[in-house]
């Protein structure tokens, strides 16, 4: 571990206000708000098929991450003498593997696998490498956390993308639901053991979103068949209206679901995921957007 401390100290010898701002901005591209906005754009305005494929791989990878963190239980470098940690409010739970790195790598891997363009590939690789480095620069992860994030994301996305394509081609959506089963069991364990870790909230958020996302995808595919092509002003209306409702679900539902937070958060994020893939397209189609 000493060599990893020295590595963080060496990286932070280059710290300055510009790089502080730059790497905080980079790390924000691996957080919830960024992914919600991008998912909305893909699903409502650009290419819903890409959105489904990339979104499923990304969401299931982000469920896997807290599952792994609960398994390994490694401490972060926060508080280590000589290491300055920034943006620690986003550095919750255990350290290995890095959630930001795994999430960003999963997202950008999904992008490059779908579009298969050399420039998109180069940009995607650059983005997830920058996110990984930003976590080192900000002093909230070890190098092994970053490498673990890369590894698990790449292996998982390759597997889930193949499974997604096969399931859609054969019409066997049960396979996609089976991916969620072990994670749902992991969600239920604290109800019986009474032990809740700091990583459980991340698992609930991702699991709920994935359940809603997959349910909405199946609903939209069977009953709506929404066409994302439209005029520019209609795209703007869709994004403004859709994201406003997304925020209402994300924030407003906290006040109307006041019971057990583990159950309430699962319901809240399930509704959010369903809105993205099923609810919003249904509304937009009714208003010819």
Protein backbone atom coordinates (compact mmCIF):
# COMPACT_ATOMS: atom_id res chain seq x y z
CA UNK A 1 0.00 0.00 0.00
CA UNK A 2 2.95 2.37 0.61
CA UNK A 3 3.72 2.58 -3.10
CA UNK A 4 0.12 3.56 -3.81
CA UNK A 5 0.32 6.36 -1.25
CA UNK A 6 3.51 7.61 -2.87
CA UNK A 7 1.85 7.45 -6.30
CA UNK A 8 -1.04 9.66 -5.11
CA UNK A 9 1.41 12.09 -3.55
CA UNK A 10 3.41 12.24 -6.80
CA UNK A 11 0.27 12.89 -8.88
CA UNK A 12 -0.78 15.64 -6.48
CA UNK A 13 2.53 17.47 -6.82
CA UNK A 14 1.02 18.80 -10.07
CA UNK A 15 -2.06 20.20 -8.31
CA UNK A 16 -3.17 23.72 -9.23
CA UNK A 17 -6.54 25.53 -9.39
CA UNK A 18 -7.01 24.86 -13.10
CA UNK A 19 -6.42 21.10 -12.79
CA UNK A 20 -8.56 20.99 -9.64
CA UNK A 21 -11.48 22.39 -11.62
CA UNK A 22 -10.78 20.31 -14.71
CA UNK A 23 -10.64 16.96 -12.93
CA UNK A 24 -13.69 17.75 -10.82
CA UNK A 25 -15.54 18.48 -14.07
CA UNK A 26 -14.28 15.18 -15.53
CA UNK A 27 -15.42 13.22 -12.50
CA UNK A 28 -18.89 14.82 -12.76
CA UNK A 29 -19.28 13.09 -16.15
CA UNK A 30 -19.33 9.81 -14.22
CA UNK A 31 -22.18 10.82 -11.90
CA UNK A 32 -25.93 10.33 -11.88
CA UNK A 33 -27.05 13.68 -13.32
CA UNK A 34 -24.84 13.35 -16.40
CA UNK A 35 -26.03 9.82 -17.15
CA UNK A 36 -29.71 10.73 -16.73
CA UNK A 37 -29.45 13.63 -19.18
CA UNK A 38 -27.53 11.56 -21.74
CA UNK A 39 -29.95 8.65 -21.40
CA UNK A 40 -32.88 11.02 -21.93
CA UNK A 41 -31.30 12.39 -25.09
CA UNK A 42 -30.58 8.93 -26.50
CA UNK A 43 -33.99 7.46 -25.65
CA UNK A 44 -36.18 10.43 -26.58
CA UNK A 45 -34.30 12.32 -29.28
CA UNK A 46 -31.49 10.39 -30.94
CA UNK A 47 -31.36 6.57 -31.03
CA UNK A 48 -33.52 4.59 -28.63
CA UNK A 49 -32.06 1.22 -29.68
CA UNK A 50 -28.61 2.43 -28.72
CA UNK A 51 -30.07 3.83 -25.51
CA UNK A 52 -31.61 0.48 -24.53
CA UNK A 53 -28.45 -1.50 -25.25
CA UNK A 54 -26.01 0.93 -23.66
CA UNK A 55 -28.35 1.69 -20.77
CA UNK A 56 -28.88 -1.95 -19.81
CA UNK A 57 -25.15 -2.69 -19.84
CA UNK A 58 -24.38 0.47 -17.87
CA UNK A 59 -27.11 -0.02 -15.25
CA UNK A 60 -26.32 -3.67 -14.57
CA UNK A 61 -22.63 -2.78 -14.24
CA UNK A 62 -23.45 -0.07 -11.71
CA UNK A 63 -25.45 -2.65 -9.72
CA UNK A 64 -22.46 -4.98 -9.80
CA UNK A 65 -20.17 -2.28 -8.39
CA UNK A 66 -21.68 -1.91 -4.87
CA UNK A 67 -22.08 -5.71 -4.79
CA UNK A 68 -18.29 -5.97 -5.29
CA UNK A 69 -17.59 -3.18 -2.80
CA UNK A 70 -19.58 -5.01 -0.15
CA UNK A 71 -17.57 -8.11 -0.95
CA UNK A 72 -14.08 -6.55 -0.74
CA UNK A 73 -14.61 -3.79 1.89
CA UNK A 74 -11.37 -1.85 1.13
CA UNK A 75 -10.72 1.54 2.73
CA UNK A 76 -10.24 4.73 0.72
CA UNK A 77 -7.16 6.99 0.84
CA UNK A 78 -9.28 9.75 2.39
CA UNK A 79 -7.62 10.90 5.58
CA UNK A 80 -4.22 9.38 4.75
CA UNK A 81 -1.42 11.74 5.74
CA UNK A 82 0.01 13.63 2.78
CA UNK A 83 -2.96 12.92 0.48
CA UNK A 84 -5.42 15.76 -0.20
CA UNK A 85 -8.91 14.48 -1.01
CA UNK A 86 -11.40 16.58 -2.94
CA UNK A 87 -15.09 16.16 -3.80
CA UNK A 88 -15.37 13.65 -0.96
CA UNK A 89 -19.17 13.97 -0.91
CA UNK A 90 -19.21 11.71 -3.98
CA UNK A 91 -16.74 9.28 -2.43
CA UNK A 92 -19.01 7.17 -0.27
CA UNK A 93 -18.71 3.53 0.71
CA UNK A 94 -15.79 1.20 0.15
CA UNK A 95 -12.95 1.85 -2.24
CA UNK A 96 -12.59 -1.20 -4.53
CA UNK A 97 -13.50 -1.12 -7.36
CA UNK A 98 -13.98 2.56 -8.18
CA UNK A 99 -17.65 3.21 -8.88
CA UNK A 100 -16.99 6.32 -10.99
CA UNK A 101 -14.41 4.45 -13.06
CA UNK A 102 -16.57 1.37 -13.53
CA UNK A 103 -19.62 3.45 -14.42
CA UNK A 104 -17.77 5.65 -16.92
CA UNK A 105 -15.98 2.70 -18.50
CA UNK A 106 -19.25 0.79 -18.81
CA UNK A 107 -20.98 3.75 -20.45
CA UNK A 108 -18.21 4.57 -22.91
CA UNK A 109 -17.60 0.87 -23.68
CA UNK A 110 -21.28 0.65 -24.58
CA UNK A 111 -20.88 3.68 -26.85
CA UNK A 112 -17.86 2.37 -28.73
CA UNK A 113 -19.27 -1.15 -29.10
CA UNK A 114 -22.50 0.18 -30.59
CA UNK A 115 -21.13 2.78 -33.01
CA UNK A 116 -17.86 1.06 -33.99
CA UNK A 117 -16.23 4.24 -35.28
CA UNK A 118 -12.51 4.84 -34.72
CA UNK A 119 -12.96 8.46 -33.62
CA UNK A 120 -15.79 7.59 -31.26
CA UNK A 121 -13.65 4.73 -29.93
CA UNK A 122 -10.68 7.03 -29.31
CA UNK A 123 -12.86 9.63 -27.59
CA UNK A 124 -14.60 6.98 -25.48
CA UNK A 125 -11.32 5.44 -24.30
CA UNK A 126 -9.92 8.89 -23.52
CA UNK A 127 -13.02 9.72 -21.45
CA UNK A 128 -12.98 6.67 -19.21
CA UNK A 129 -9.21 6.90 -18.76
CA UNK A 130 -9.60 10.54 -17.72
CA UNK A 131 -12.34 9.64 -15.24
CA UNK A 132 -10.10 6.99 -13.71
CA UNK A 133 -7.18 9.41 -13.44
CA UNK A 134 -9.45 12.09 -11.96
CA UNK A 135 -10.22 9.78 -9.02
CA UNK A 136 -6.50 9.49 -8.32
CA UNK A 137 -5.91 13.22 -8.73
CA UNK A 138 -8.80 13.99 -6.37
CA UNK A 139 -7.32 11.61 -3.80
CA UNK A 140 -10.39 9.42 -3.31
CA UNK A 141 -9.17 6.11 -4.80
CA UNK A 142 -6.11 3.90 -5.06
CA UNK A 143 -4.67 2.81 -8.41
CA UNK A 144 -5.88 -0.75 -7.76
CA UNK A 145 -9.43 0.62 -7.43
CA UNK A 146 -9.15 2.25 -10.85
CA UNK A 147 -7.71 -0.85 -12.50
CA UNK A 148 -10.45 -2.93 -10.88
CA UNK A 149 -13.06 -0.53 -12.23
CA UNK A 150 -11.65 -0.86 -15.75
CA UNK A 151 -11.46 -4.65 -15.53
CA UNK A 152 -14.93 -5.37 -14.16
CA UNK A 153 -16.57 -2.84 -16.49
CA UNK A 154 -14.97 -4.18 -19.66
CA UNK A 155 -15.62 -7.85 -18.85
CA UNK A 156 -19.18 -7.16 -17.70
CA UNK A 157 -20.16 -4.96 -20.65
CA UNK A 158 -18.81 -7.45 -23.19
CA UNK A 159 -20.84 -10.21 -21.55
CA UNK A 160 -24.07 -8.25 -21.05
CA UNK A 161 -23.98 -6.66 -24.50
CA UNK A 162 -23.72 -10.11 -26.09
CA UNK A 163 -26.57 -11.34 -23.88
CA UNK A 164 -28.70 -8.29 -24.71
CA UNK A 165 -28.23 -8.73 -28.47
CA UNK A 166 -28.97 -12.46 -28.25
CA UNK A 167 -32.08 -11.92 -26.10
CA UNK A 168 -33.49 -9.27 -28.42
CA UNK A 169 -32.74 -11.33 -31.54
CA UNK A 170 -34.40 -14.44 -30.09
CA UNK A 171 -37.15 -12.56 -28.24
CA UNK A 172 -36.09 -14.17 -24.95
CA UNK A 173 -36.26 -11.24 -22.55
CA UNK A 174 -36.29 -13.60 -19.58
CA UNK A 175 -32.49 -13.77 -19.88
CA UNK A 176 -32.27 -10.05 -19.20
CA UNK A 177 -34.45 -10.37 -16.10
CA UNK A 178 -32.29 -13.26 -14.87
CA UNK A 179 -29.30 -10.91 -14.78
CA UNK A 180 -31.09 -8.89 -12.09
CA UNK A 181 -32.03 -11.86 -9.87
CA UNK A 182 -28.76 -12.20 -7.86
CA UNK A 183 -28.70 -8.46 -7.25
CA UNK A 184 -32.29 -8.48 -6.02
CA UNK A 185 -31.32 -11.26 -3.60
CA UNK A 186 -28.42 -9.07 -2.41
CA UNK A 187 -30.94 -6.26 -1.89
CA UNK A 188 -33.13 -8.52 0.28
CA UNK A 189 -30.31 -9.83 2.51
CA UNK A 190 -30.23 -6.81 4.91
CA UNK A 191 -33.94 -7.30 5.65
CA UNK A 192 -33.06 -10.68 7.18
CA UNK A 193 -29.61 -9.96 8.63
CA UNK A 194 -30.19 -6.41 9.84
CA UNK A 195 -26.78 -5.36 8.49
CA UNK A 196 -26.80 -2.41 6.10
CA UNK A 197 -23.58 -1.15 4.53
CA UNK A 198 -22.84 2.30 3.16
CA UNK A 199 -22.80 0.80 -0.35
CA UNK A 200 -26.37 -0.51 -0.14
CA UNK A 201 -27.91 2.79 -1.27
CA UNK A 202 -25.96 2.64 -4.55
CA UNK A 203 -27.18 -0.91 -5.11
CA UNK A 204 -30.80 0.15 -4.47
CA UNK A 205 -30.56 3.15 -6.84
CA UNK A 206 -29.08 1.11 -9.69
CA UNK A 207 -31.28 -1.95 -9.13
CA UNK A 208 -34.48 0.10 -9.00
CA UNK A 209 -33.53 2.06 -12.11
CA UNK A 210 -32.65 -1.14 -13.97
CA UNK A 211 -35.97 -2.80 -13.06
CA UNK A 212 -37.91 0.24 -14.26
CA UNK A 213 -35.68 0.68 -17.31
CA UNK A 214 -36.18 -2.92 -18.47
CA UNK A 215 -39.93 -2.86 -17.71
CA UNK A 216 -40.34 0.38 -19.67
CA UNK A 217 -38.28 -0.96 -22.56
CA UNK A 218 -40.51 -4.01 -22.89
CA UNK A 219 -43.66 -1.89 -22.54
CA UNK A 220 -42.48 0.62 -25.16
CA UNK A 221 -41.38 -2.08 -27.59
CA UNK A 222 -44.70 -3.94 -27.39
CA UNK A 223 -47.29 -1.16 -27.05
CA UNK A 224 -45.84 2.24 -28.03
CA UNK A 225 -43.13 1.98 -30.71
CA UNK A 226 -42.18 5.63 -30.23
CA UNK A 227 -40.34 7.30 -33.13
CA UNK A 228 -37.57 9.55 -31.80
CA UNK A 229 -37.28 11.49 -35.08
CA UNK A 230 -38.79 14.94 -34.79
CA UNK A 231 -38.15 18.66 -35.30
CA UNK A 232 -35.56 20.45 -33.19
CA UNK A 233 -38.09 22.46 -31.19
CA UNK A 234 -39.96 19.27 -30.34
CA UNK A 235 -36.75 17.67 -29.11
CA UNK A 236 -36.25 20.65 -26.80
CA UNK A 237 -39.80 20.31 -25.49
CA UNK A 238 -39.27 16.59 -24.87
CA UNK A 239 -36.06 17.17 -22.97
CA UNK A 240 -37.42 20.02 -20.86
CA UNK A 241 -40.68 18.25 -20.03
CA UNK A 242 -39.12 14.83 -19.62
CA UNK A 243 -36.28 15.93 -17.36
CA UNK A 244 -38.68 18.06 -15.29
CA UNK A 245 -40.79 14.97 -14.59
CA UNK A 246 -37.62 12.98 -13.92
CA UNK A 247 -36.63 15.49 -11.23
CA UNK A 248 -40.16 15.40 -9.83
CA UNK A 249 -39.92 11.62 -9.45
CA UNK A 250 -36.38 11.73 -8.07
CA UNK A 251 -37.02 14.49 -5.53
CA UNK A 252 -40.79 14.74 -5.08
CA UNK A 253 -41.36 11.04 -4.46
CA UNK A 254 -39.18 11.30 -1.35
CA UNK A 255 -42.06 13.13 0.33
CA UNK A 256 -44.89 10.84 -0.77
CA UNK A 257 -43.05 7.61 0.00
CA UNK A 258 -42.23 8.18 3.68
CA UNK A 259 -41.99 4.52 4.80
CA UNK A 260 -38.91 2.28 4.98
CA UNK A 261 -36.27 4.12 2.90
CA UNK A 262 -34.91 0.91 1.37
CA UNK A 263 -38.35 0.11 -0.06
CA UNK A 264 -39.16 3.74 -0.88
CA UNK A 265 -35.91 4.30 -2.78
CA UNK A 266 -36.36 1.08 -4.75
CA UNK A 267 -39.86 2.19 -5.79
CA UNK A 268 -38.71 5.75 -6.53
CA UNK A 269 -35.89 4.71 -8.83
CA UNK A 270 -38.00 1.98 -10.45
CA UNK A 271 -40.48 4.72 -11.38
CA UNK A 272 -37.64 6.87 -12.67
CA UNK A 273 -36.28 4.07 -14.87
CA UNK A 274 -39.75 3.28 -16.22
CA UNK A 275 -40.36 6.95 -17.00
CA UNK A 276 -37.19 7.13 -19.09
CA UNK A 277 -38.00 4.14 -21.30
CA UNK A 278 -41.78 3.74 -21.12
CA UNK A 279 -43.63 6.63 -19.48
CA UNK A 280 -42.08 9.56 -21.30
CA UNK A 281 -42.31 7.96 -24.79
CA UNK A 282 -46.01 7.24 -24.17
CA UNK A 283 -46.64 10.88 -23.19
CA UNK A 284 -44.63 12.23 -26.11
CA UNK A 285 -46.53 10.06 -28.58
CA UNK A 286 -49.89 11.31 -27.23
CA UNK A 287 -48.82 14.91 -27.90
CA UNK A 288 -47.14 14.13 -31.25
CA UNK A 289 -43.70 15.10 -30.00
